[in-house]
Amino acid sequence: MIRFRSKSEEIVCDFLKESGIPIRYEESKVDYVWKEYKTYTPDFLLPNGIILEVKGRFVLEDRKKHLFIQEQKKDLDIRFVFDNPNSKLYKNGKMTYAKWCEKHDIPWTSYHNIPLEWLI
C-alpha cells in the first residue's frame, strides 16, 4: 500500500493506474545544490521519463528548489500537476501557480486535466 503525502497524489496515482501506466511513486532521488548538497524525490516517474510533481500548495521554498533543479538538471522533464493552477502565490498577489510555471517554461496542468500525451 502506497502512503501518499496528499490526496492529490492519490488521485493522480488512480488516474495513472486507470490509464495503464506503471506506478513509480517517490522511487528515485535527484541530486542538486542549493547552498549545500540536497536531493529531490520526484512524485511520479513515468515510463517515458516525464516526472509529474503534484502540488496542492506551491510555497516559495518549492519554487526556488525547482528553479535550481531546472538550472542544474536540464535533462529532466518535470511537469507540475496542481490542485488549483489558478491559486495565487501570495494572498494579494496577481501571479498564479500557472503563470509562474509559464514564466519559467515549465509545463503544468490540473489533476483533473492531465494530458494523455504526457503519459505516452
PDB file of N, CA and C in Angstrom:
ATOM      1  N   MET A   1       0.847  -1.180   0.000  1.00  0.00           N
ATOM      2  CA  MET A   1       0.000   0.000   0.000  1.00  0.00           C
ATOM      3  C   MET A   1       0.894   1.245   0.000  1.00  0.00           C
ATOM      4  N   ILE A   2       0.685   2.110  -0.962  1.00  0.00           N
ATOM      5  CA  ILE A   2       1.454   3.348  -1.058  1.00  0.00           C
ATOM      6  C   ILE A   2       0.892   4.355  -0.059  1.00  0.00           C
ATOM      7  N   ARG A   3       1.787   5.013   0.664  1.00  0.00           N
ATOM      8  CA  ARG A   3       1.380   6.079   1.586  1.00  0.00           C
ATOM      9  C   ARG A   3       1.687   7.415   0.916  1.00  0.00           C
ATOM     10  N   PHE A   4       0.643   8.120   0.527  1.00  0.00           N
ATOM     11  CA  PHE A   4       0.798   9.388  -0.174  1.00  0.00           C
ATOM     12  C   PHE A   4       0.901  10.537   0.814  1.00  0.00           C
ATOM     13  N   ARG A   5       1.523  11.614   0.361  1.00  0.00           N
ATOM     14  CA  ARG A   5       1.646  12.813   1.182  1.00  0.00           C
ATOM     15  C   ARG A   5       0.427  13.714   1.055  1.00  0.00           C
ATOM     16  N   SER A   6      -0.375  13.476   0.011  1.00  0.00           N
ATOM     17  CA  SER A   6      -1.569  14.309  -0.184  1.00  0.00           C
ATOM     18  C   SER A   6      -2.644  13.519  -0.922  1.00  0.00           C
ATOM     19  N   LYS A   7      -3.864  13.980  -0.793  1.00  0.00           N
ATOM     20  CA  LYS A   7      -4.989  13.389  -1.513  1.00  0.00           C
ATOM     21  C   LYS A   7      -4.784  13.557  -3.021  1.00  0.00           C
ATOM     22  N   SER A   8      -4.209  14.685  -3.428  1.00  0.00           N
ATOM     23  CA  SER A   8      -3.962  14.943  -4.852  1.00  0.00           C
ATOM     24  C   SER A   8      -3.051  13.880  -5.452  1.00  0.00           C
ATOM     25  N   GLU A   9      -2.000  13.496  -4.720  1.00  0.00           N
ATOM     26  CA  GLU A   9      -1.106  12.458  -5.219  1.00  0.00           C
ATOM     27  C   GLU A   9      -1.863  11.136  -5.387  1.00  0.00           C
ATOM     28  N   GLU A  10      -2.747  10.837  -4.461  1.00  0.00           N
ATOM     29  CA  GLU A  10      -3.545   9.615  -4.561  1.00  0.00           C
ATOM     30  C   GLU A  10      -4.456   9.650  -5.791  1.00  0.00           C
ATOM     31  N   ILE A  11      -5.053  10.816  -6.064  1.00  0.00           N
ATOM     32  CA  ILE A  11      -5.929  10.969  -7.232  1.00  0.00           C
ATOM     33  C   ILE A  11      -5.129  10.785  -8.522  1.00  0.00           C
ATOM     34  N   VAL A  12      -3.936  11.392  -8.590  1.00  0.00           N
ATOM     35  CA  VAL A  12      -3.086  11.249  -9.775  1.00  0.00           C
ATOM     36  C   VAL A  12      -2.672   9.785  -9.939  1.00  0.00           C
ATOM     37  N   CYS A  13      -2.343   9.111  -8.851  1.00  0.00           N
ATOM     38  CA  CYS A  13      -1.978   7.696  -8.913  1.00  0.00           C
ATOM     39  C   CYS A  13      -3.128   6.870  -9.485  1.00  0.00           C
ATOM     40  N   ASP A  14      -4.339   7.113  -9.009  1.00  0.00           N
ATOM     41  CA  ASP A  14      -5.510   6.389  -9.523  1.00  0.00           C
ATOM     42  C   ASP A  14      -5.686   6.625 -11.022  1.00  0.00           C
ATOM     43  N   PHE A  15      -5.490   7.886 -11.460  1.00  0.00           N
ATOM     44  CA  PHE A  15      -5.599   8.222 -12.881  1.00  0.00           C
ATOM     45  C   PHE A  15      -4.554   7.457 -13.694  1.00  0.00           C
ATOM     46  N   LEU A  16      -3.317   7.423 -13.191  1.00  0.00           N
ATOM     47  CA  LEU A  16      -2.253   6.714 -13.904  1.00  0.00           C
ATOM     48  C   LEU A  16      -2.563   5.223 -14.002  1.00  0.00           C
ATOM     49  N   LYS A  17      -3.045   4.634 -12.911  1.00  0.00           N
ATOM     50  CA  LYS A  17      -3.413   3.209 -12.925  1.00  0.00           C
ATOM     51  C   LYS A  17      -4.505   2.946 -13.952  1.00  0.00           C
ATOM     52  N   GLU A  18      -5.553   3.799 -13.947  1.00  0.00           N
ATOM     53  CA  GLU A  18      -6.660   3.639 -14.894  1.00  0.00           C
ATOM     54  C   GLU A  18      -6.190   3.784 -16.334  1.00  0.00           C
ATOM     55  N   SER A  19      -5.106   4.553 -16.536  1.00  0.00           N
ATOM     56  CA  SER A  19      -4.562   4.772 -17.877  1.00  0.00           C
ATOM     57  C   SER A  19      -3.556   3.694 -18.266  1.00  0.00           C
ATOM     58  N   GLY A  20      -3.342   2.723 -17.384  1.00  0.00           N
ATOM     59  CA  GLY A  20      -2.427   1.628 -17.683  1.00  0.00           C
ATOM     60  C   GLY A  20      -0.960   1.969 -17.523  1.00  0.00           C
ATOM     61  N   ILE A  21      -0.662   3.045 -16.789  1.00  0.00           N
ATOM     62  CA  ILE A  21       0.719   3.481 -16.595  1.00  0.00           C
ATOM     63  C   ILE A  21       1.278   2.818 -15.332  1.00  0.00           C
ATOM     64  N   PRO A  22       2.449   2.163 -15.428  1.00  0.00           N
ATOM     65  CA  PRO A  22       3.060   1.585 -14.225  1.00  0.00           C
ATOM     66  C   PRO A  22       3.375   2.686 -13.206  1.00  0.00           C
ATOM     67  N   ILE A  23       3.101   2.418 -11.948  1.00  0.00           N
ATOM     68  CA  ILE A  23       3.282   3.421 -10.898  1.00  0.00           C
ATOM     69  C   ILE A  23       4.688   3.330 -10.331  1.00  0.00           C
ATOM     70  N   ARG A  24       5.393   4.452 -10.393  1.00  0.00           N
ATOM     71  CA  ARG A  24       6.697   4.604  -9.748  1.00  0.00           C
ATOM     72  C   ARG A  24       6.605   5.867  -8.911  1.00  0.00           C
ATOM     73  N   TYR A  25       6.211   5.697  -7.660  1.00  0.00           N
ATOM     74  CA  TYR A  25       5.968   6.829  -6.768  1.00  0.00           C
ATOM     75  C   TYR A  25       7.144   6.993  -5.809  1.00  0.00           C
ATOM     76  N   GLU A  26       7.776   8.155  -5.857  1.00  0.00           N
ATOM     77  CA  GLU A  26       8.887   8.519  -4.976  1.00  0.00           C
ATOM     78  C   GLU A  26       9.929   7.410  -4.868  1.00  0.00           C
ATOM     79  N   GLU A  27      10.279   6.821  -6.028  1.00  0.00           N
ATOM     80  CA  GLU A  27      11.263   5.733  -6.054  1.00  0.00           C
ATOM     81  C   GLU A  27      12.691   6.210  -6.268  1.00  0.00           C
ATOM     82  N   SER A  28      12.864   7.417  -6.777  1.00  0.00           N
ATOM     83  CA  SER A  28      14.212   7.864  -7.100  1.00  0.00           C
ATOM     84  C   SER A  28      14.495   9.204  -6.442  1.00  0.00           C
ATOM     85  N   LYS A  29      15.764   9.581  -6.478  1.00  0.00           N
ATOM     86  CA  LYS A  29      16.193  10.869  -5.932  1.00  0.00           C
ATOM     87  C   LYS A  29      17.004  11.587  -7.001  1.00  0.00           C
ATOM     88  N   VAL A  30      16.916  12.921  -7.011  1.00  0.00           N
ATOM     89  CA  VAL A  30      17.670  13.765  -7.928  1.00  0.00           C
ATOM     90  C   VAL A  30      18.578  14.643  -7.078  1.00  0.00           C
ATOM     91  N   ASP A  31      19.889  14.568  -7.309  1.00  0.00           N
ATOM     92  CA  ASP A  31      20.844  15.402  -6.584  1.00  0.00           C
ATOM     93  C   ASP A  31      20.858  16.800  -7.179  1.00  0.00           C
ATOM     94  N   TYR A  32      20.952  17.806  -6.320  1.00  0.00           N
ATOM     95  CA  TYR A  32      21.125  19.185  -6.763  1.00  0.00           C
ATOM     96  C   TYR A  32      21.788  19.968  -5.647  1.00  0.00           C
ATOM     97  N   VAL A  33      22.262  21.173  -5.959  1.00  0.00           N
ATOM     98  CA  VAL A  33      22.933  22.001  -4.964  1.00  0.00           C
ATOM     99  C   VAL A  33      22.153  23.292  -4.797  1.00  0.00           C
ATOM    100  N   TRP A  34      21.847  23.602  -3.557  1.00  0.00           N
ATOM    101  CA  TRP A  34      21.190  24.856  -3.197  1.00  0.00           C
ATOM    102  C   TRP A  34      21.777  25.247  -1.856  1.00  0.00           C
ATOM    103  N   LYS A  35      22.867  25.985  -1.917  1.00  0.00           N
ATOM    104  CA  LYS A  35      23.674  26.367  -0.764  1.00  0.00           C
ATOM    105  C   LYS A  35      24.419  25.167  -0.187  1.00  0.00           C
ATOM    106  N   GLU A  36      23.887  23.982  -0.382  1.00  0.00           N
ATOM    107  CA  GLU A  36      24.524  22.749   0.055  1.00  0.00           C
ATOM    108  C   GLU A  36      23.967  21.612  -0.795  1.00  0.00           C
ATOM    109  N   TYR A  37      24.580  20.450  -0.676  1.00  0.00           N
ATOM    110  CA  TYR A  37      24.121  19.276  -1.419  1.00  0.00           C
ATOM    111  C   TYR A  37      22.748  18.850  -0.905  1.00  0.00           C
ATOM    112  N   LYS A  38      21.809  18.601  -1.830  1.00  0.00           N
ATOM    113  CA  LYS A  38      20.461  18.177  -1.463  1.00  0.00           C
ATOM    114  C   LYS A  38      19.986  17.122  -2.450  1.00  0.00           C
ATOM    115  N   THR A  39      18.864  16.493  -2.121  1.00  0.00           N
ATOM    116  CA  THR A  39      18.216  15.592  -3.064  1.00  0.00           C
ATOM    117  C   THR A  39      16.743  15.960  -3.169  1.00  0.00           C
ATOM    118  N   TYR A  40      16.191  15.679  -4.325  1.00  0.00           N
ATOM    119  CA  TYR A  40      14.771  15.906  -4.612  1.00  0.00           C
ATOM    120  C   TYR A  40      14.170  14.545  -4.943  1.00  0.00           C
ATOM    121  N   THR A  41      13.038  14.252  -4.354  1.00  0.00           N
ATOM    122  CA  THR A  41      12.344  12.991  -4.620  1.00  0.00           C
ATOM    123  C   THR A  41      11.133  13.277  -5.494  1.00  0.00           C
ATOM    124  N   PRO A  42      11.195  12.930  -6.791  1.00  0.00           N
ATOM    125  CA  PRO A  42      10.052  13.163  -7.680  1.00  0.00           C
ATOM    126  C   PRO A  42       8.836  12.356  -7.230  1.00  0.00           C
ATOM    127  N   ASP A  43       7.648  12.929  -7.419  1.00  0.00           N
ATOM    128  CA  ASP A  43       6.424  12.213  -7.049  1.00  0.00           C
ATOM    129  C   ASP A  43       6.207  10.999  -7.940  1.00  0.00           C
ATOM    130  N   PHE A  44       6.033  11.223  -9.239  1.00  0.00           N
ATOM    131  CA  PHE A  44       5.763  10.118 -10.164  1.00  0.00           C
ATOM    132  C   PHE A  44       6.732  10.181 -11.335  1.00  0.00           C
ATOM    133  N   LEU A  45       7.460   9.091 -11.554  1.00  0.00           N
ATOM    134  CA  LEU A  45       8.344   8.973 -12.710  1.00  0.00           C
ATOM    135  C   LEU A  45       7.652   8.067 -13.714  1.00  0.00           C
ATOM    136  N   LEU A  46       7.276   8.639 -14.853  1.00  0.00           N
ATOM    137  CA  LEU A  46       6.557   7.885 -15.876  1.00  0.00           C
ATOM    138  C   LEU A  46       7.538   7.080 -16.732  1.00  0.00           C
ATOM    139  N   PRO A  47       7.076   6.009 -17.377  1.00  0.00           N
ATOM    140  CA  PRO A  47       7.957   5.189 -18.217  1.00  0.00           C
ATOM    141  C   PRO A  47       8.647   5.986 -19.325  1.00  0.00           C
ATOM    142  N   ASN A  48       8.033   7.080 -19.790  1.00  0.00           N
ATOM    143  CA  ASN A  48       8.623   7.892 -20.853  1.00  0.00           C
ATOM    144  C   ASN A  48       9.645   8.898 -20.329  1.00  0.00           C
ATOM    145  N   GLY A  49       9.913   8.886 -19.013  1.00  0.00           N
ATOM    146  CA  GLY A  49      10.906   9.784 -18.432  1.00  0.00           C
ATOM    147  C   GLY A  49      10.337  11.063 -17.858  1.00  0.00           C
ATOM    148  N   ILE A  50       9.086  11.366 -18.138  1.00  0.00           N
ATOM    149  CA  ILE A  50       8.453  12.570 -17.590  1.00  0.00           C
ATOM    150  C   ILE A  50       8.246  12.388 -16.091  1.00  0.00           C
ATOM    151  N   ILE A  51       8.517  13.451 -15.338  1.00  0.00           N
ATOM    152  CA  ILE A  51       8.277  13.469 -13.897  1.00  0.00           C
ATOM    153  C   ILE A  51       7.041  14.314 -13.636  1.00  0.00           C
ATOM    154  N   LEU A  52       6.063  13.741 -12.938  1.00  0.00           N
ATOM    155  CA  LEU A  52       4.888  14.503 -12.514  1.00  0.00           C
ATOM    156  C   LEU A  52       5.090  14.898 -11.062  1.00  0.00           C
ATOM    157  N   GLU A  53       5.097  16.190 -10.807  1.00  0.00           N
ATOM    158  CA  GLU A  53       5.219  16.724  -9.452  1.00  0.00           C
ATOM    159  C   GLU A  53       3.854  17.282  -9.064  1.00  0.00           C
ATOM    160  N   VAL A  54       3.211  16.654  -8.093  1.00  0.00           N
ATOM    161  CA  VAL A  54       1.850  17.015  -7.691  1.00  0.00           C
ATOM    162  C   VAL A  54       1.918  18.025  -6.553  1.00  0.00           C
ATOM    163  N   LYS A  55       1.190  19.135  -6.714  1.00  0.00           N
ATOM    164  CA  LYS A  55       1.220  20.204  -5.716  1.00  0.00           C
ATOM    165  C   LYS A  55      -0.183  20.664  -5.356  1.00  0.00           C
ATOM    166  N   GLY A  56      -0.441  20.699  -4.067  1.00  0.00           N
ATOM    167  CA  GLY A  56      -1.621  21.381  -3.549  1.00  0.00           C
ATOM    168  C   GLY A  56      -1.214  22.824  -3.294  1.00  0.00           C
ATOM    169  N   ARG A  57      -0.306  22.996  -2.337  1.00  0.00           N
ATOM    170  CA  ARG A  57       0.285  24.313  -2.068  1.00  0.00           C
ATOM    171  C   ARG A  57       1.640  24.372  -2.767  1.00  0.00           C
ATOM    172  N   PHE A  58       1.950  25.547  -3.309  1.00  0.00           N
ATOM    173  CA  PHE A  58       3.197  25.726  -4.046  1.00  0.00           C
ATOM    174  C   PHE A  58       3.962  26.855  -3.378  1.00  0.00           C
ATOM    175  N   VAL A  59       4.655  26.523  -2.295  1.00  0.00           N
ATOM    176  CA  VAL A  59       5.304  27.519  -1.446  1.00  0.00           C
ATOM    177  C   VAL A  59       6.629  27.981  -2.044  1.00  0.00           C
ATOM    178  N   LEU A  60       7.109  29.110  -1.542  1.00  0.00           N
ATOM    179  CA  LEU A  60       8.324  29.741  -2.054  1.00  0.00           C
ATOM    180  C   LEU A  60       9.508  28.775  -2.071  1.00  0.00           C
ATOM    181  N   GLU A  61       9.701  28.018  -1.017  1.00  0.00           N
ATOM    182  CA  GLU A  61      10.841  27.100  -0.966  1.00  0.00           C
ATOM    183  C   GLU A  61      10.781  26.068  -2.088  1.00  0.00           C
ATOM    184  N   ASP A  62       9.592  25.556  -2.390  1.00  0.00           N
ATOM    185  CA  ASP A  62       9.438  24.613  -3.509  1.00  0.00           C
ATOM    186  C   ASP A  62       9.737  25.282  -4.841  1.00  0.00           C
ATOM    187  N   ARG A  63       9.279  26.503  -5.009  1.00  0.00           N
ATOM    188  CA  ARG A  63       9.532  27.214  -6.273  1.00  0.00           C
ATOM    189  C   ARG A  63      11.028  27.427  -6.468  1.00  0.00           C
ATOM    190  N   LYS A  64      11.713  27.867  -5.426  1.00  0.00           N
ATOM    191  CA  LYS A  64      13.165  28.068  -5.522  1.00  0.00           C
ATOM    192  C   LYS A  64      13.867  26.750  -5.839  1.00  0.00           C
ATOM    193  N   LYS A  65      13.481  25.707  -5.130  1.00  0.00           N
ATOM    194  CA  LYS A  65      14.094  24.388  -5.339  1.00  0.00           C
ATOM    195  C   LYS A  65      13.967  23.967  -6.798  1.00  0.00           C
ATOM    196  N   HIS A  66      12.789  24.137  -7.367  1.00  0.00           N
ATOM    197  CA  HIS A  66      12.592  23.684  -8.743  1.00  0.00           C
ATOM    198  C   HIS A  66      13.332  24.555  -9.749  1.00  0.00           C
ATOM    199  N   LEU A  67      13.543  25.806  -9.448  1.00  0.00           N
ATOM    200  CA  LEU A  67      14.370  26.633 -10.332  1.00  0.00           C
ATOM    201  C   LEU A  67      15.821  26.165 -10.295  1.00  0.00           C
ATOM    202  N   PHE A  68      16.326  25.830  -9.109  1.00  0.00           N
ATOM    203  CA  PHE A  68      17.685  25.297  -9.010  1.00  0.00           C
ATOM    204  C   PHE A  68      17.802  23.973  -9.759  1.00  0.00           C
ATOM    205  N   ILE A  69      16.820  23.100  -9.587  1.00  0.00           N
ATOM    206  CA  ILE A  69      16.854  21.805 -10.274  1.00  0.00           C
ATOM    207  C   ILE A  69      16.792  22.005 -11.783  1.00  0.00           C
ATOM    208  N   GLN A  70      15.912  22.899 -12.238  1.00  0.00           N
ATOM    209  CA  GLN A  70      15.778  23.167 -13.675  1.00  0.00           C
ATOM    210  C   GLN A  70      17.103  23.677 -14.247  1.00  0.00           C
ATOM    211  N   GLU A  71      17.794  24.519 -13.489  1.00  0.00           N
ATOM    212  CA  GLU A  71      19.077  25.073 -13.927  1.00  0.00           C
ATOM    213  C   GLU A  71      20.164  23.994 -13.982  1.00  0.00           C
ATOM    214  N   GLN A  72      20.181  23.111 -12.996  1.00  0.00           N
ATOM    215  CA  GLN A  72      21.260  22.139 -12.855  1.00  0.00           C
ATOM    216  C   GLN A  72      21.005  20.813 -13.566  1.00  0.00           C
ATOM    217  N   LYS A  73      19.756  20.468 -13.790  1.00  0.00           N
ATOM    218  CA  LYS A  73      19.402  19.170 -14.379  1.00  0.00           C
ATOM    219  C   LYS A  73      18.548  19.384 -15.623  1.00  0.00           C
ATOM    220  N   LYS A  74      19.154  19.977 -16.636  1.00  0.00           N
ATOM    221  CA  LYS A  74      18.421  20.362 -17.847  1.00  0.00           C
ATOM    222  C   LYS A  74      17.823  19.161 -18.595  1.00  0.00           C
ATOM    223  N   ASP A  75      18.319  17.963 -18.313  1.00  0.00           N
ATOM    224  CA  ASP A  75      17.813  16.772 -18.996  1.00  0.00           C
ATOM    225  C   ASP A  75      16.513  16.242 -18.384  1.00  0.00           C
ATOM    226  N   LEU A  76      16.121  16.745 -17.217  1.00  0.00           N
ATOM    227  CA  LEU A  76      14.884  16.282 -16.578  1.00  0.00           C
ATOM    228  C   LEU A  76      13.674  16.998 -17.162  1.00  0.00           C
ATOM    229  N   ASP A  77      12.605  16.268 -17.333  1.00  0.00           N
ATOM    230  CA  ASP A  77      11.341  16.824 -17.832  1.00  0.00           C
ATOM    231  C   ASP A  77      10.329  16.777 -16.682  1.00  0.00           C
ATOM    232  N   ILE A  78      10.345  17.829 -15.863  1.00  0.00           N
ATOM    233  CA  ILE A  78       9.464  17.910 -14.699  1.00  0.00           C
ATOM    234  C   ILE A  78       8.241  18.735 -15.069  1.00  0.00           C
ATOM    235  N   ARG A  79       7.062  18.184 -14.798  1.00  0.00           N
ATOM    236  CA  ARG A  79       5.802  18.856 -15.107  1.00  0.00           C
ATOM    237  C   ARG A  79       4.950  18.884 -13.843  1.00  0.00           C
ATOM    238  N   PHE A  80       4.323  20.035 -13.609  1.00  0.00           N
ATOM    239  CA  PHE A  80       3.531  20.205 -12.393  1.00  0.00           C
ATOM    240  C   PHE A  80       2.073  19.845 -12.613  1.00  0.00           C
ATOM    241  N   VAL A  81       1.499  19.202 -11.606  1.00  0.00           N
ATOM    242  CA  VAL A  81       0.076  18.864 -11.581  1.00  0.00           C
ATOM    243  C   VAL A  81      -0.479  19.518 -10.317  1.00  0.00           C
ATOM    244  N   PHE A  82      -1.307  20.557 -10.511  1.00  0.00           N
ATOM    245  CA  PHE A  82      -1.816  21.336  -9.386  1.00  0.00           C
ATOM    246  C   PHE A  82      -3.250  20.970  -9.030  1.00  0.00           C
ATOM    247  N   ASP A  83      -3.574  21.110  -7.744  1.00  0.00           N
ATOM    248  CA  ASP A  83      -4.979  21.041  -7.323  1.00  0.00           C
ATOM    249  C   ASP A  83      -5.748  22.156  -8.016  1.00  0.00           C
ATOM    250  N   ASN A  84      -5.195  23.368  -7.900  1.00  0.00           N
ATOM    251  CA  ASN A  84      -5.828  24.545  -8.490  1.00  0.00           C
ATOM    252  C   ASN A  84      -4.744  25.444  -9.078  1.00  0.00           C
ATOM    253  N   PRO A  85      -4.495  25.370 -10.386  1.00  0.00           N
ATOM    254  CA  PRO A  85      -3.444  26.178 -11.001  1.00  0.00           C
ATOM    255  C   PRO A  85      -3.714  27.677 -10.952  1.00  0.00           C
ATOM    256  N   ASN A  86      -4.956  28.061 -10.630  1.00  0.00           N
ATOM    257  CA  ASN A  86      -5.295  29.484 -10.546  1.00  0.00           C
ATOM    258  C   ASN A  86      -5.108  30.057  -9.148  1.00  0.00           C
ATOM    259  N   SER A  87      -4.598  29.253  -8.223  1.00  0.00           N
ATOM    260  CA  SER A  87      -4.298  29.763  -6.882  1.00  0.00           C
ATOM    261  C   SER A  87      -3.201  30.809  -6.984  1.00  0.00           C
ATOM    262  N   LYS A  88      -3.297  31.810  -6.150  1.00  0.00           N
ATOM    263  CA  LYS A  88      -2.302  32.887  -6.125  1.00  0.00           C
ATOM    264  C   LYS A  88      -1.082  32.456  -5.308  1.00  0.00           C
ATOM    265  N   LEU A  89       0.095  32.909  -5.738  1.00  0.00           N
ATOM    266  CA  LEU A  89       1.315  32.631  -4.987  1.00  0.00           C
ATOM    267  C   LEU A  89       1.291  33.339  -3.639  1.00  0.00           C
ATOM    268  N   TYR A  90       0.726  34.550  -3.630  1.00  0.00           N
ATOM    269  CA  TYR A  90       0.623  35.351  -2.409  1.00  0.00           C
ATOM    270  C   TYR A  90      -0.803  35.847  -2.259  1.00  0.00           C
ATOM    271  N   LYS A  91      -1.207  36.067  -1.043  1.00  0.00           N
ATOM    272  CA  LYS A  91      -2.591  36.419  -0.721  1.00  0.00           C
ATOM    273  C   LYS A  91      -3.150  37.534  -1.603  1.00  0.00           C
ATOM    274  N   ASN A  92      -2.467  38.640  -1.716  1.00  0.00           N
ATOM    275  CA  ASN A  92      -2.972  39.768  -2.508  1.00  0.00           C
ATOM    276  C   ASN A  92      -2.236  39.931  -3.835  1.00  0.00           C
ATOM    277  N   GLY A  93      -1.515  38.910  -4.248  1.00  0.00           N
ATOM    278  CA  GLY A  93      -0.742  38.997  -5.479  1.00  0.00           C
ATOM    279  C   GLY A  93      -1.565  38.675  -6.714  1.00  0.00           C
ATOM    280  N   LYS A  94      -0.954  38.892  -7.871  1.00  0.00           N
ATOM    281  CA  LYS A  94      -1.606  38.605  -9.153  1.00  0.00           C
ATOM    282  C   LYS A  94      -1.084  37.314  -9.779  1.00  0.00           C
ATOM    283  N   MET A  95       0.133  36.930  -9.414  1.00  0.00           N
ATOM    284  CA  MET A  95       0.766  35.755 -10.017  1.00  0.00           C
ATOM    285  C   MET A  95       0.123  34.474  -9.485  1.00  0.00           C
ATOM    286  N   THR A  96      -0.294  33.616 -10.424  1.00  0.00           N
ATOM    287  CA  THR A  96      -0.870  32.318 -10.057  1.00  0.00           C
ATOM    288  C   THR A  96       0.185  31.225 -10.228  1.00  0.00           C
ATOM    289  N   TYR A  97      -0.125  30.035  -9.742  1.00  0.00           N
ATOM    290  CA  TYR A  97       0.779  28.899  -9.931  1.00  0.00           C
ATOM    291  C   TYR A  97       1.022  28.673 -11.426  1.00  0.00           C
ATOM    292  N   ALA A  98      -0.051  28.724 -12.209  1.00  0.00           N
ATOM    293  CA  ALA A  98       0.051  28.502 -13.655  1.00  0.00           C
ATOM    294  C   ALA A  98       0.930  29.562 -14.315  1.00  0.00           C
ATOM    295  N   LYS A  99       0.720  30.831 -13.967  1.00  0.00           N
ATOM    296  CA  LYS A  99       1.517  31.909 -14.573  1.00  0.00           C
ATOM    297  C   LYS A  99       2.988  31.779 -14.194  1.00  0.00           C
ATOM    298  N   TRP A 100       3.266  31.358 -12.966  1.00  0.00           N
ATOM    299  CA  TRP A 100       4.647  31.172 -12.546  1.00  0.00           C
ATOM    300  C   TRP A 100       5.307  30.101 -13.420  1.00  0.00           C
ATOM    301  N   CYS A 101       4.607  28.995 -13.635  1.00  0.00           N
ATOM    302  CA  CYS A 101       5.152  27.926 -14.487  1.00  0.00           C
ATOM    303  C   CYS A 101       5.394  28.428 -15.906  1.00  0.00           C
ATOM    304  N   GLU A 102       4.440  29.152 -16.452  1.00  0.00           N
ATOM    305  CA  GLU A 102       4.598  29.685 -17.808  1.00  0.00           C
ATOM    306  C   GLU A 102       5.787  30.629 -17.883  1.00  0.00           C
ATOM    307  N   LYS A 103       5.960  31.463 -16.873  1.00  0.00           N
ATOM    308  CA  LYS A 103       7.091  32.396 -16.830  1.00  0.00           C
ATOM    309  C   LYS A 103       8.424  31.643 -16.877  1.00  0.00           C
ATOM    310  N   HIS A 104       8.466  30.452 -16.286  1.00  0.00           N
ATOM    311  CA  HIS A 104       9.708  29.683 -16.205  1.00  0.00           C
ATOM    312  C   HIS A 104       9.740  28.492 -17.171  1.00  0.00           C
ATOM    313  N   ASP A 105       8.840  28.517 -18.165  1.00  0.00           N
ATOM    314  CA  ASP A 105       8.799  27.469 -19.200  1.00  0.00           C
ATOM    315  C   ASP A 105       8.684  26.056 -18.614  1.00  0.00           C
ATOM    316  N   ILE A 106       7.816  25.912 -17.625  1.00  0.00           N
ATOM    317  CA  ILE A 106       7.578  24.612 -17.003  1.00  0.00           C
ATOM    318  C   ILE A 106       6.153  24.180 -17.339  1.00  0.00           C
ATOM    319  N   PRO A 107       5.986  23.021 -17.975  1.00  0.00           N
ATOM    320  CA  PRO A 107       4.628  22.540 -18.285  1.00  0.00           C
ATOM    321  C   PRO A 107       3.835  22.279 -17.002  1.00  0.00           C
ATOM    322  N   TRP A 108       2.529  22.540 -17.074  1.00  0.00           N
ATOM    323  CA  TRP A 108       1.662  22.360 -15.909  1.00  0.00           C
ATOM    324  C   TRP A 108       0.261  21.954 -16.362  1.00  0.00           C
ATOM    325  N   THR A 109      -0.502  21.431 -15.423  1.00  0.00           N
ATOM    326  CA  THR A 109      -1.912  21.121 -15.641  1.00  0.00           C
ATOM    327  C   THR A 109      -2.578  21.012 -14.277  1.00  0.00           C
ATOM    328  N   SER A 110      -3.877  20.792 -14.278  1.00  0.00           N
ATOM    329  CA  SER A 110      -4.564  20.449 -13.031  1.00  0.00           C
ATOM    330  C   SER A 110      -4.711  18.933 -13.002  1.00  0.00           C
ATOM    331  N   TYR A 111      -4.935  18.383 -11.832  1.00  0.00           N
ATOM    332  CA  TYR A 111      -5.049  16.922 -11.766  1.00  0.00           C
ATOM    333  C   TYR A 111      -6.312  16.421 -12.444  1.00  0.00           C
ATOM    334  N   HIS A 112      -7.236  17.324 -12.758  1.00  0.00           N
ATOM    335  CA  HIS A 112      -8.451  16.948 -13.488  1.00  0.00           C
ATOM    336  C   HIS A 112      -8.199  16.822 -14.993  1.00  0.00           C
ATOM    337  N   ASN A 113      -7.089  17.395 -15.465  1.00  0.00           N
ATOM    338  CA  ASN A 113      -6.863  17.509 -16.913  1.00  0.00           C
ATOM    339  C   ASN A 113      -5.484  17.042 -17.355  1.00  0.00           C
ATOM    340  N   ILE A 114      -4.968  15.987 -16.795  1.00  0.00           N
ATOM    341  CA  ILE A 114      -3.641  15.519 -17.203  1.00  0.00           C
ATOM    342  C   ILE A 114      -3.719  15.050 -18.658  1.00  0.00           C
ATOM    343  N   PRO A 115      -2.932  15.677 -19.548  1.00  0.00           N
ATOM    344  CA  PRO A 115      -2.988  15.303 -20.967  1.00  0.00           C
ATOM    345  C   PRO A 115      -2.503  13.865 -21.187  1.00  0.00           C
ATOM    346  N   LEU A 116      -3.239  13.115 -21.966  1.00  0.00           N
ATOM    347  CA  LEU A 116      -2.841  11.733 -22.257  1.00  0.00           C
ATOM    348  C   LEU A 116      -1.491  11.674 -22.962  1.00  0.00           C
ATOM    349  N   GLU A 117      -1.164  12.707 -23.763  1.00  0.00           N
ATOM    350  CA  GLU A 117       0.127  12.697 -24.464  1.00  0.00           C
ATOM    351  C   GLU A 117       1.306  12.775 -23.481  1.00  0.00           C
ATOM    352  N   TRP A 118       1.073  13.243 -22.265  1.00  0.00           N
ATOM    353  CA  TRP A 118       2.132  13.220 -21.258  1.00  0.00           C
ATOM    354  C   TRP A 118       2.446  11.786 -20.835  1.00  0.00           C
ATOM    355  N   LEU A 119       1.506  10.886 -20.994  1.00  0.00           N
ATOM    356  CA  LEU A 119       1.650   9.520 -20.494  1.00  0.00           C
ATOM    357  C   LEU A 119       2.262   8.564 -21.505  1.00  0.00           C
ATOM    358  N   ILE A 120       2.306   8.970 -22.771  1.00  0.00           N
ATOM    359  CA  ILE A 120       2.761   8.082 -23.849  1.00  0.00           C
ATOM    360  C   ILE A 120       4.271   8.170 -24.017  1.00  0.00           C
TER     361      ILE A 120
END
